Amino acid sequence: MKLDIRAMYEGNYNLAIYDITGKLMFKKDGYIDNIIHFIQQDVSDWTKGVYLVSIIIDNEVISKKFIKE
């Protein structure tokens, strides 16, 4: 899985991916220092299903679902 994070400003971020039961599958903290920031995570060994991606960039929360098939 590849996430393209587009931010209008620089700042710290906290990224978390949860499975449908709420189990934390992946977590990463970092700093965005340009307009587009790429994060890659291998999910090939994850179970098929729905996952929630949550990212906080300087107190702004963005949540999206993705489906692993």
N, C-alpha and C. Protein backbone atom coordinates (compact mmCIF):
# COMPACT_ATOMS: atom_id res chain seq x y z
N MET A 1 0.85 -1.17 0.00
CA MET A 1 0.00 0.00 0.00
C MET A 1 0.89 1.22 0.00
N LYS A 2 0.51 2.21 -0.77
CA LYS A 2 1.25 3.46 -0.82
C LYS A 2 0.28 4.58 -0.51
N LEU A 3 0.62 5.40 0.46
CA LEU A 3 -0.19 6.56 0.81
C LEU A 3 0.48 7.81 0.27
N ASP A 4 -0.26 8.65 -0.39
CA ASP A 4 0.23 9.95 -0.82
C ASP A 4 -0.43 10.98 0.07
N ILE A 5 0.35 11.63 0.90
CA ILE A 5 -0.18 12.63 1.81
C ILE A 5 0.10 14.00 1.22
N ARG A 6 -0.95 14.74 0.96
CA ARG A 6 -0.80 16.08 0.41
C ARG A 6 -1.15 17.08 1.51
N ALA A 7 -0.19 17.86 1.89
CA ALA A 7 -0.41 18.84 2.96
C ALA A 7 -0.17 20.24 2.39
N MET A 8 -0.91 21.17 2.87
CA MET A 8 -0.76 22.55 2.43
C MET A 8 0.29 23.29 3.24
N TYR A 9 0.86 22.62 4.21
CA TYR A 9 1.83 23.25 5.10
C TYR A 9 2.76 22.20 5.67
N GLU A 10 3.81 22.63 6.28
CA GLU A 10 4.72 21.70 6.94
C GLU A 10 4.18 21.38 8.33
N GLY A 11 4.54 20.21 8.84
CA GLY A 11 4.11 19.88 10.19
C GLY A 11 4.34 18.43 10.55
N ASN A 12 4.15 18.14 11.82
CA ASN A 12 4.27 16.78 12.34
C ASN A 12 3.02 15.99 11.98
N TYR A 13 3.20 14.69 11.77
CA TYR A 13 2.04 13.84 11.53
C TYR A 13 2.15 12.58 12.37
N ASN A 14 0.98 12.01 12.65
CA ASN A 14 0.84 10.72 13.31
C ASN A 14 -0.09 9.90 12.45
N LEU A 15 0.40 8.78 11.96
CA LEU A 15 -0.37 7.90 11.08
C LEU A 15 -0.62 6.59 11.80
N ALA A 16 -1.85 6.10 11.72
CA ALA A 16 -2.19 4.81 12.31
C ALA A 16 -3.15 4.08 11.37
N ILE A 17 -2.98 2.78 11.27
CA ILE A 17 -3.89 1.94 10.49
C ILE A 17 -4.44 0.87 11.43
N TYR A 18 -5.77 0.75 11.44
CA TYR A 18 -6.46 -0.20 12.32
C TYR A 18 -7.26 -1.19 11.48
N ASP A 19 -7.38 -2.42 11.99
CA ASP A 19 -8.27 -3.36 11.31
C ASP A 19 -9.69 -3.11 11.80
N ILE A 20 -10.64 -3.87 11.30
CA ILE A 20 -12.06 -3.65 11.60
C ILE A 20 -12.39 -3.84 13.08
N THR A 21 -11.56 -4.60 13.80
CA THR A 21 -11.80 -4.81 15.22
C THR A 21 -11.17 -3.72 16.09
N GLY A 22 -10.42 -2.81 15.46
CA GLY A 22 -9.76 -1.74 16.21
C GLY A 22 -8.32 -2.06 16.58
N LYS A 23 -7.82 -3.20 16.13
CA LYS A 23 -6.43 -3.57 16.41
C LYS A 23 -5.49 -2.69 15.60
N LEU A 24 -4.50 -2.11 16.27
CA LEU A 24 -3.50 -1.28 15.60
C LEU A 24 -2.59 -2.17 14.76
N MET A 25 -2.54 -1.91 13.46
CA MET A 25 -1.75 -2.72 12.54
C MET A 25 -0.43 -2.03 12.16
N PHE A 26 -0.43 -0.71 12.18
CA PHE A 26 0.74 0.06 11.74
C PHE A 26 0.67 1.45 12.36
N LYS A 27 1.82 1.95 12.75
CA LYS A 27 1.88 3.31 13.31
C LYS A 27 3.18 3.95 12.86
N LYS A 28 3.10 5.22 12.50
CA LYS A 28 4.29 5.96 12.11
C LYS A 28 4.10 7.43 12.45
N ASP A 29 5.12 8.01 13.02
CA ASP A 29 5.13 9.44 13.30
C ASP A 29 6.23 10.05 12.44
N GLY A 30 6.03 11.28 12.03
CA GLY A 30 7.05 11.91 11.21
C GLY A 30 6.78 13.38 11.02
N TYR A 31 7.50 13.94 10.08
CA TYR A 31 7.39 15.36 9.77
C TYR A 31 7.26 15.53 8.26
N ILE A 32 6.27 16.28 7.84
CA ILE A 32 6.08 16.58 6.42
C ILE A 32 6.76 17.91 6.15
N ASP A 33 7.73 17.87 5.24
CA ASP A 33 8.46 19.10 4.96
C ASP A 33 8.32 19.55 3.51
N ASN A 34 7.35 18.98 2.81
CA ASN A 34 7.07 19.40 1.44
C ASN A 34 5.60 19.21 1.15
N ILE A 35 5.18 19.53 -0.05
CA ILE A 35 3.75 19.49 -0.39
C ILE A 35 3.22 18.06 -0.43
N ILE A 36 3.95 17.12 -1.02
CA ILE A 36 3.50 15.73 -1.11
C ILE A 36 4.50 14.83 -0.40
N HIS A 37 4.00 14.00 0.48
CA HIS A 37 4.83 13.10 1.26
C HIS A 37 4.32 11.68 1.00
N PHE A 38 5.22 10.75 0.75
CA PHE A 38 4.83 9.38 0.44
C PHE A 38 5.20 8.46 1.60
N ILE A 39 4.27 7.58 1.94
CA ILE A 39 4.51 6.57 2.96
C ILE A 39 4.11 5.24 2.34
N GLN A 40 4.98 4.25 2.44
CA GLN A 40 4.67 2.94 1.91
C GLN A 40 4.65 1.92 3.05
N GLN A 41 3.68 1.02 2.98
CA GLN A 41 3.57 -0.05 3.97
C GLN A 41 3.17 -1.32 3.25
N ASP A 42 3.92 -2.37 3.46
CA ASP A 42 3.59 -3.67 2.87
C ASP A 42 2.44 -4.30 3.65
N VAL A 43 1.33 -4.54 2.97
CA VAL A 43 0.16 -5.14 3.61
C VAL A 43 -0.14 -6.52 3.00
N SER A 44 0.81 -7.07 2.29
CA SER A 44 0.57 -8.34 1.59
C SER A 44 0.23 -9.48 2.54
N ASP A 45 0.74 -9.43 3.77
CA ASP A 45 0.45 -10.51 4.72
C ASP A 45 -0.73 -10.20 5.63
N TRP A 46 -1.39 -9.07 5.41
CA TRP A 46 -2.57 -8.74 6.21
C TRP A 46 -3.77 -9.52 5.68
N THR A 47 -4.73 -9.79 6.55
CA THR A 47 -5.97 -10.46 6.19
C THR A 47 -6.81 -9.56 5.29
N LYS A 48 -7.51 -10.17 4.35
CA LYS A 48 -8.42 -9.41 3.50
C LYS A 48 -9.50 -8.78 4.37
N GLY A 49 -9.86 -7.55 4.05
CA GLY A 49 -10.91 -6.89 4.82
C GLY A 49 -10.81 -5.38 4.77
N VAL A 50 -11.55 -4.75 5.65
CA VAL A 50 -11.62 -3.29 5.71
C VAL A 50 -10.68 -2.78 6.79
N TYR A 51 -9.95 -1.72 6.48
CA TYR A 51 -9.01 -1.09 7.41
C TYR A 51 -9.28 0.41 7.46
N LEU A 52 -8.98 1.00 8.58
CA LEU A 52 -9.15 2.43 8.77
C LEU A 52 -7.77 3.08 8.86
N VAL A 53 -7.53 4.06 8.01
CA VAL A 53 -6.30 4.83 8.05
C VAL A 53 -6.64 6.16 8.70
N SER A 54 -5.92 6.50 9.75
CA SER A 54 -6.13 7.76 10.46
C SER A 54 -4.82 8.52 10.50
N ILE A 55 -4.85 9.77 10.08
CA ILE A 55 -3.66 10.60 10.12
C ILE A 55 -4.00 11.92 10.77
N ILE A 56 -3.12 12.32 11.67
CA ILE A 56 -3.26 13.62 12.33
C ILE A 56 -2.08 14.46 11.89
N ILE A 57 -2.37 15.62 11.28
CA ILE A 57 -1.34 16.56 10.87
C ILE A 57 -1.61 17.86 11.61
N ASP A 58 -0.74 18.17 12.57
CA ASP A 58 -0.89 19.38 13.38
C ASP A 58 -2.33 19.61 13.83
N ASN A 59 -2.91 18.61 14.50
CA ASN A 59 -4.24 18.65 15.12
C ASN A 59 -5.39 18.54 14.12
N GLU A 60 -5.15 18.35 12.84
CA GLU A 60 -6.21 18.09 11.86
C GLU A 60 -6.27 16.59 11.64
N VAL A 61 -7.44 15.99 11.86
CA VAL A 61 -7.62 14.54 11.75
C VAL A 61 -8.27 14.20 10.42
N ILE A 62 -7.66 13.25 9.71
CA ILE A 62 -8.20 12.76 8.46
C ILE A 62 -8.32 11.24 8.59
N SER A 63 -9.50 10.69 8.31
CA SER A 63 -9.71 9.24 8.40
C SER A 63 -10.29 8.74 7.08
N LYS A 64 -9.73 7.64 6.60
CA LYS A 64 -10.19 7.02 5.36
C LYS A 64 -10.20 5.52 5.54
N LYS A 65 -11.10 4.85 4.84
CA LYS A 65 -11.13 3.39 4.85
C LYS A 65 -10.46 2.88 3.59
N PHE A 66 -9.84 1.70 3.71
CA PHE A 66 -9.38 1.01 2.51
C PHE A 66 -9.70 -0.46 2.65
N ILE A 67 -9.88 -1.11 1.51
CA ILE A 67 -10.22 -2.52 1.49
C ILE A 67 -9.06 -3.30 0.90
N LYS A 68 -8.59 -4.28 1.64
CA LYS A 68 -7.54 -5.16 1.13
C LYS A 68 -8.24 -6.38 0.54
N GLU A 69 -7.95 -6.62 -0.70
CA GLU A 69 -8.61 -7.76 -1.39
C GLU A 69 -7.63 -8.89 -1.58
